[in-house]
Amino acid sequence: MILLEAQELSKSFLFKGKLCQVLCGISLKLKQDEFISIVGASGCGKSTLLELLAGISLPDKGKIFYDGELITGKTGILGYMPQEDLLFEWLKSIDNILLPLRVKGNLDKAQRSKAIELLPVFGLEGYKDHLPWQLSGGLKQRVALARTYMTGSKVLLLDEPLANLDAITRNALQDWLKEIVSKLGVSIILVTHDIEEAIKLSDRILVMKEGRFVEELVVKEGIDATALRAKLL
């Protein structure tokens, strides 16, 4: 079943008086329970693509469908997690997690209880009432991911969520992320610069260059990290 489909997305920006095309007719399909990673050099359009999918900006051309419904330019439909955790420093962990429901006006006692029950799944048992400054970098990212999940979407868009963590914490969270994806029953599109991370987590890897997908790799068929890294040069 196709959950998310992007059709021929194009996007340009003005830079120093010139129109620069960032995305050039990008199309993709994300299946239910699928994990896709998008890899590519800085500036190739990866984050711009996620912003279009999340409805943060509009494509110049193209359409986006979620569960068969046209969602181009609509925010709050898909779960979107940027690289920075963007937690509100004055809110406790549980209140940061519940923000999507508060914004939508859907927050009630039942939803709050559901979020509390999910804390152990996200490795946050015992941190419900902590403020962000009391949490490590890894715990902040867990709170941010839990908040993204509480949007209620079956699709989560993750823009390098582990990029700012130390190597040991990052490896541990990669293992954890792979485990909870199956538990939560969500599909993921991950933007990453880390080739090993993409291979470890993904069902498919899409290689992007200059605003286009230039190759699709199925992980189960086996991928050599060195060869994949060479494709990005």
Protein backbone atom coordinates (compact mmCIF):
# COMPACT_ATOMS: atom_id res chain seq x y z
CA MET A 1 0.00 0.00 0.00
CA ILE A 2 1.34 3.44 -0.99
CA LEU A 3 1.00 5.87 1.93
CA LEU A 4 2.79 8.89 0.52
CA GLU A 5 3.38 9.89 -3.08
CA ALA A 6 5.15 12.92 -4.50
CA GLN A 7 4.67 13.63 -8.19
CA GLU A 8 7.13 15.73 -10.22
CA LEU A 9 8.02 18.24 -7.49
CA SER A 10 10.04 21.27 -8.58
CA LYS A 11 11.22 24.19 -6.45
CA SER A 12 13.30 27.30 -7.16
CA PHE A 13 14.62 30.12 -4.96
CA LEU A 14 15.95 33.59 -5.67
CA PHE A 15 19.62 33.90 -4.73
CA LYS A 16 21.53 37.13 -5.39
CA GLY A 17 19.01 38.13 -8.00
CA LYS A 18 19.15 34.81 -9.83
CA LEU A 19 16.53 32.07 -9.89
CA CYS A 20 18.16 28.83 -8.69
CA GLN A 21 16.36 25.53 -9.18
CA VAL A 22 16.75 23.34 -6.10
CA LEU A 23 14.43 20.46 -7.02
CA CYS A 24 13.89 19.27 -10.59
CA GLY A 25 10.84 17.05 -11.03
CA ILE A 26 11.31 14.82 -7.97
CA SER A 27 8.93 11.86 -7.59
CA LEU A 28 8.80 9.21 -4.86
CA LYS A 29 6.49 6.64 -3.33
CA LEU A 30 6.59 5.51 0.30
CA LYS A 31 4.89 2.25 1.21
CA GLN A 32 3.30 1.31 4.50
CA ASP A 33 5.90 0.16 7.10
CA GLU A 34 8.77 1.27 4.82
CA PHE A 35 11.94 3.10 5.83
CA ILE A 36 13.53 5.25 3.11
CA SER A 37 16.74 7.23 3.49
CA ILE A 38 17.70 10.10 1.21
CA VAL A 39 21.43 10.73 0.93
CA GLY A 40 23.37 13.35 -0.95
CA ALA A 41 25.87 16.17 -0.62
CA SER A 42 24.96 19.42 1.16
CA GLY A 43 22.85 21.69 -0.99
CA CYS A 44 21.44 18.98 -3.26
CA GLY A 45 17.84 19.60 -2.10
CA LYS A 46 17.23 16.95 0.56
CA SER A 47 15.89 19.24 3.27
CA THR A 48 13.90 21.28 0.76
CA LEU A 49 12.14 18.10 -0.31
CA LEU A 50 11.17 17.29 3.29
CA GLU A 51 9.86 20.83 3.76
CA LEU A 52 7.65 20.43 0.69
CA LEU A 53 6.34 17.07 1.93
CA ALA A 54 5.64 18.60 5.34
CA GLY A 55 3.75 21.51 3.76
CA ILE A 56 6.15 24.11 5.15
CA SER A 57 6.67 25.50 1.65
CA LEU A 58 4.87 25.09 -1.66
CA PRO A 59 6.37 23.47 -4.76
CA ASP A 60 6.50 25.49 -7.96
CA LYS A 61 5.10 22.42 -9.69
CA GLY A 62 3.95 18.97 -8.63
CA LYS A 63 1.55 17.34 -6.19
CA ILE A 64 1.77 15.41 -2.91
CA PHE A 65 -0.72 12.74 -1.83
CA TYR A 66 -1.06 11.11 1.59
CA ASP A 67 -3.31 8.08 1.92
CA GLY A 68 -4.86 9.02 -1.40
CA GLU A 69 -5.66 12.61 -0.34
CA LEU A 70 -4.07 15.68 -1.94
CA ILE A 71 -2.04 17.44 0.79
CA THR A 72 0.22 19.79 -1.19
CA GLY A 73 0.95 22.83 0.98
CA LYS A 74 -0.91 21.50 4.03
CA THR A 75 0.93 21.49 7.35
CA GLY A 76 0.26 19.21 10.32
CA ILE A 77 -0.62 16.21 8.17
CA LEU A 78 2.74 14.43 8.27
CA GLY A 79 5.03 14.24 11.27
CA TYR A 80 8.09 16.44 10.62
CA MET A 81 11.23 16.54 12.78
CA PRO A 82 13.98 19.03 11.86
CA GLN A 83 17.62 18.59 12.77
CA GLU A 84 17.36 20.79 15.88
CA ASP A 85 15.07 19.46 18.61
CA LEU A 86 13.25 22.84 18.93
CA LEU A 87 11.92 21.97 22.38
CA PHE A 88 10.37 24.77 24.41
CA GLU A 89 12.76 25.31 27.31
CA TRP A 90 9.99 26.21 29.78
CA LEU A 91 7.92 23.08 29.11
CA LYS A 92 8.37 19.68 30.74
CA SER A 93 9.05 16.67 28.53
CA ILE A 94 5.44 15.50 28.57
CA ASP A 95 4.15 18.97 27.64
CA ASN A 96 6.62 19.26 24.75
CA ILE A 97 5.44 15.85 23.53
CA LEU A 98 1.79 16.90 23.70
CA LEU A 99 2.26 20.14 21.73
CA PRO A 100 0.85 18.81 18.41
CA LEU A 101 -2.39 17.85 20.15
CA ARG A 102 -2.59 21.18 21.98
CA VAL A 103 -2.12 23.07 18.69
CA LYS A 104 -4.87 21.04 17.02
CA GLY A 105 -7.17 21.47 20.01
CA ASN A 106 -7.37 17.70 20.56
CA LEU A 107 -5.67 17.49 23.94
CA ASP A 108 -7.68 15.76 26.65
CA LYS A 109 -7.05 13.46 29.61
CA ALA A 110 -7.19 10.34 27.45
CA GLN A 111 -4.55 11.69 25.05
CA ARG A 112 -2.33 12.74 27.94
CA SER A 113 -2.61 9.26 29.45
CA LYS A 114 -1.74 7.73 26.06
CA ALA A 115 1.39 9.90 25.83
CA ILE A 116 2.47 8.92 29.33
CA GLU A 117 2.02 5.23 28.45
CA LEU A 118 4.29 5.74 25.42
CA LEU A 119 7.17 7.18 27.45
CA PRO A 120 8.85 3.78 28.04
CA VAL A 121 8.68 3.04 24.28
CA PHE A 122 10.70 6.20 23.65
CA GLY A 123 13.11 5.50 26.50
CA LEU A 124 11.72 8.42 28.51
CA GLU A 125 10.36 6.64 31.56
CA GLY A 126 11.37 8.75 34.55
CA TYR A 127 11.84 11.91 32.47
CA LYS A 128 8.19 13.03 32.21
CA ASP A 129 8.66 16.18 34.30
CA HIS A 130 12.18 17.12 33.19
CA LEU A 131 12.83 20.42 31.46
CA PRO A 132 14.97 20.37 28.28
CA TRP A 133 18.04 21.79 30.05
CA GLN A 134 17.95 18.77 32.38
CA LEU A 135 18.17 16.30 29.46
CA SER A 136 21.11 14.99 27.47
CA GLY A 137 21.26 15.51 23.71
CA GLY A 138 20.04 11.96 23.10
CA LEU A 139 17.09 12.34 25.47
CA LYS A 140 16.11 15.64 23.83
CA GLN A 141 15.96 13.88 20.46
CA ARG A 142 13.78 11.15 21.97
CA VAL A 143 11.37 13.81 23.28
CA ALA A 144 11.37 15.50 19.85
CA LEU A 145 10.64 12.20 18.10
CA ALA A 146 7.85 11.38 20.55
CA ARG A 147 6.36 14.82 19.84
CA THR A 148 6.57 14.12 16.10
CA TYR A 149 4.81 10.79 16.59
CA MET A 150 1.99 12.49 18.51
CA THR A 151 0.93 14.26 15.32
CA GLY A 152 -0.91 11.00 14.66
CA SER A 153 0.53 10.59 11.17
CA LYS A 154 1.55 7.21 9.78
CA VAL A 155 4.49 8.95 8.08
CA LEU A 156 7.40 10.64 9.88
CA LEU A 157 9.83 12.92 8.06
CA LEU A 158 13.18 13.08 9.86
CA ASP A 159 15.82 15.63 8.81
CA GLU A 160 19.16 14.41 10.19
CA PRO A 161 17.77 13.95 13.72
CA LEU A 162 20.98 12.32 15.02
CA ALA A 163 23.54 14.53 13.28
CA ASN A 164 24.51 16.59 16.35
CA LEU A 165 25.05 13.65 18.71
CA ASP A 166 28.33 12.05 19.69
CA ALA A 167 29.22 8.77 17.97
CA ILE A 168 28.34 6.48 20.90
CA THR A 169 24.95 8.12 21.52
CA ARG A 170 24.24 8.19 17.79
CA ASN A 171 24.91 4.47 17.35
CA ALA A 172 22.70 3.65 20.33
CA LEU A 173 19.85 5.79 18.99
CA GLN A 174 20.16 4.23 15.54
CA ASP A 175 19.55 0.81 17.11
CA TRP A 176 16.68 2.22 19.15
CA LEU A 177 15.10 3.98 16.15
CA LYS A 178 15.15 0.78 14.09
CA GLU A 179 13.45 -1.07 16.93
CA ILE A 180 10.66 1.41 17.64
CA VAL A 181 9.70 1.91 13.98
CA SER A 182 8.31 -1.62 13.90
CA LYS A 183 6.67 -1.17 17.32
CA LEU A 184 4.89 2.03 16.33
CA GLY A 185 3.85 0.91 12.84
CA VAL A 186 5.04 4.06 11.10
CA SER A 187 6.79 4.71 7.79
CA ILE A 188 9.89 6.90 7.72
CA ILE A 189 11.68 9.18 5.29
CA LEU A 190 15.10 10.03 6.73
CA VAL A 191 17.49 12.63 5.37
CA THR A 192 21.07 11.85 6.37
CA HIS A 193 24.69 12.46 5.38
CA ASP A 194 25.73 9.27 7.18
CA ILE A 195 26.06 6.41 4.68
CA GLU A 196 26.39 3.74 7.36
CA GLU A 197 23.29 5.10 9.11
CA ALA A 198 21.29 4.90 5.89
CA ILE A 199 22.38 1.31 5.24
CA LYS A 200 21.70 0.26 8.83
CA LEU A 201 18.18 1.69 9.04
CA SER A 202 16.68 1.64 5.55
CA ASP A 203 14.73 -0.62 3.25
CA ARG A 204 15.63 1.64 0.33
CA ILE A 205 18.16 4.42 -0.19
CA LEU A 206 17.57 7.25 -2.68
CA VAL A 207 20.70 9.02 -3.87
CA MET A 208 20.18 12.70 -4.70
CA LYS A 209 22.36 14.99 -6.81
CA GLU A 210 21.57 18.53 -7.90
CA GLY A 211 17.88 18.29 -7.12
CA ARG A 212 17.28 14.90 -8.71
CA PHE A 213 17.25 11.27 -7.62
CA VAL A 214 20.03 9.62 -9.58
CA GLU A 215 19.86 6.12 -8.10
CA GLU A 216 17.69 3.88 -5.94
CA LEU A 217 19.29 1.13 -3.88
CA VAL A 218 17.51 -1.74 -2.13
CA VAL A 219 19.34 -2.47 1.10
CA LYS A 220 18.43 -6.15 1.35
CA GLU A 221 20.40 -6.73 -1.84
CA GLY A 222 23.56 -5.61 -0.05
CA ILE A 223 25.28 -2.24 -0.38
CA ASP A 224 28.94 -1.40 -0.09
CA ALA A 225 29.34 1.80 1.96
CA THR A 226 32.55 2.82 0.18
CA ALA A 227 30.94 2.42 -3.25
CA LEU A 228 27.87 4.38 -2.17
CA ARG A 229 30.02 7.17 -0.76
CA ALA A 230 31.81 7.41 -4.10
CA LYS A 231 28.48 7.95 -5.85
CA LEU A 232 27.95 11.12 -3.83
CA LEU A 233 31.20 12.75 -4.94
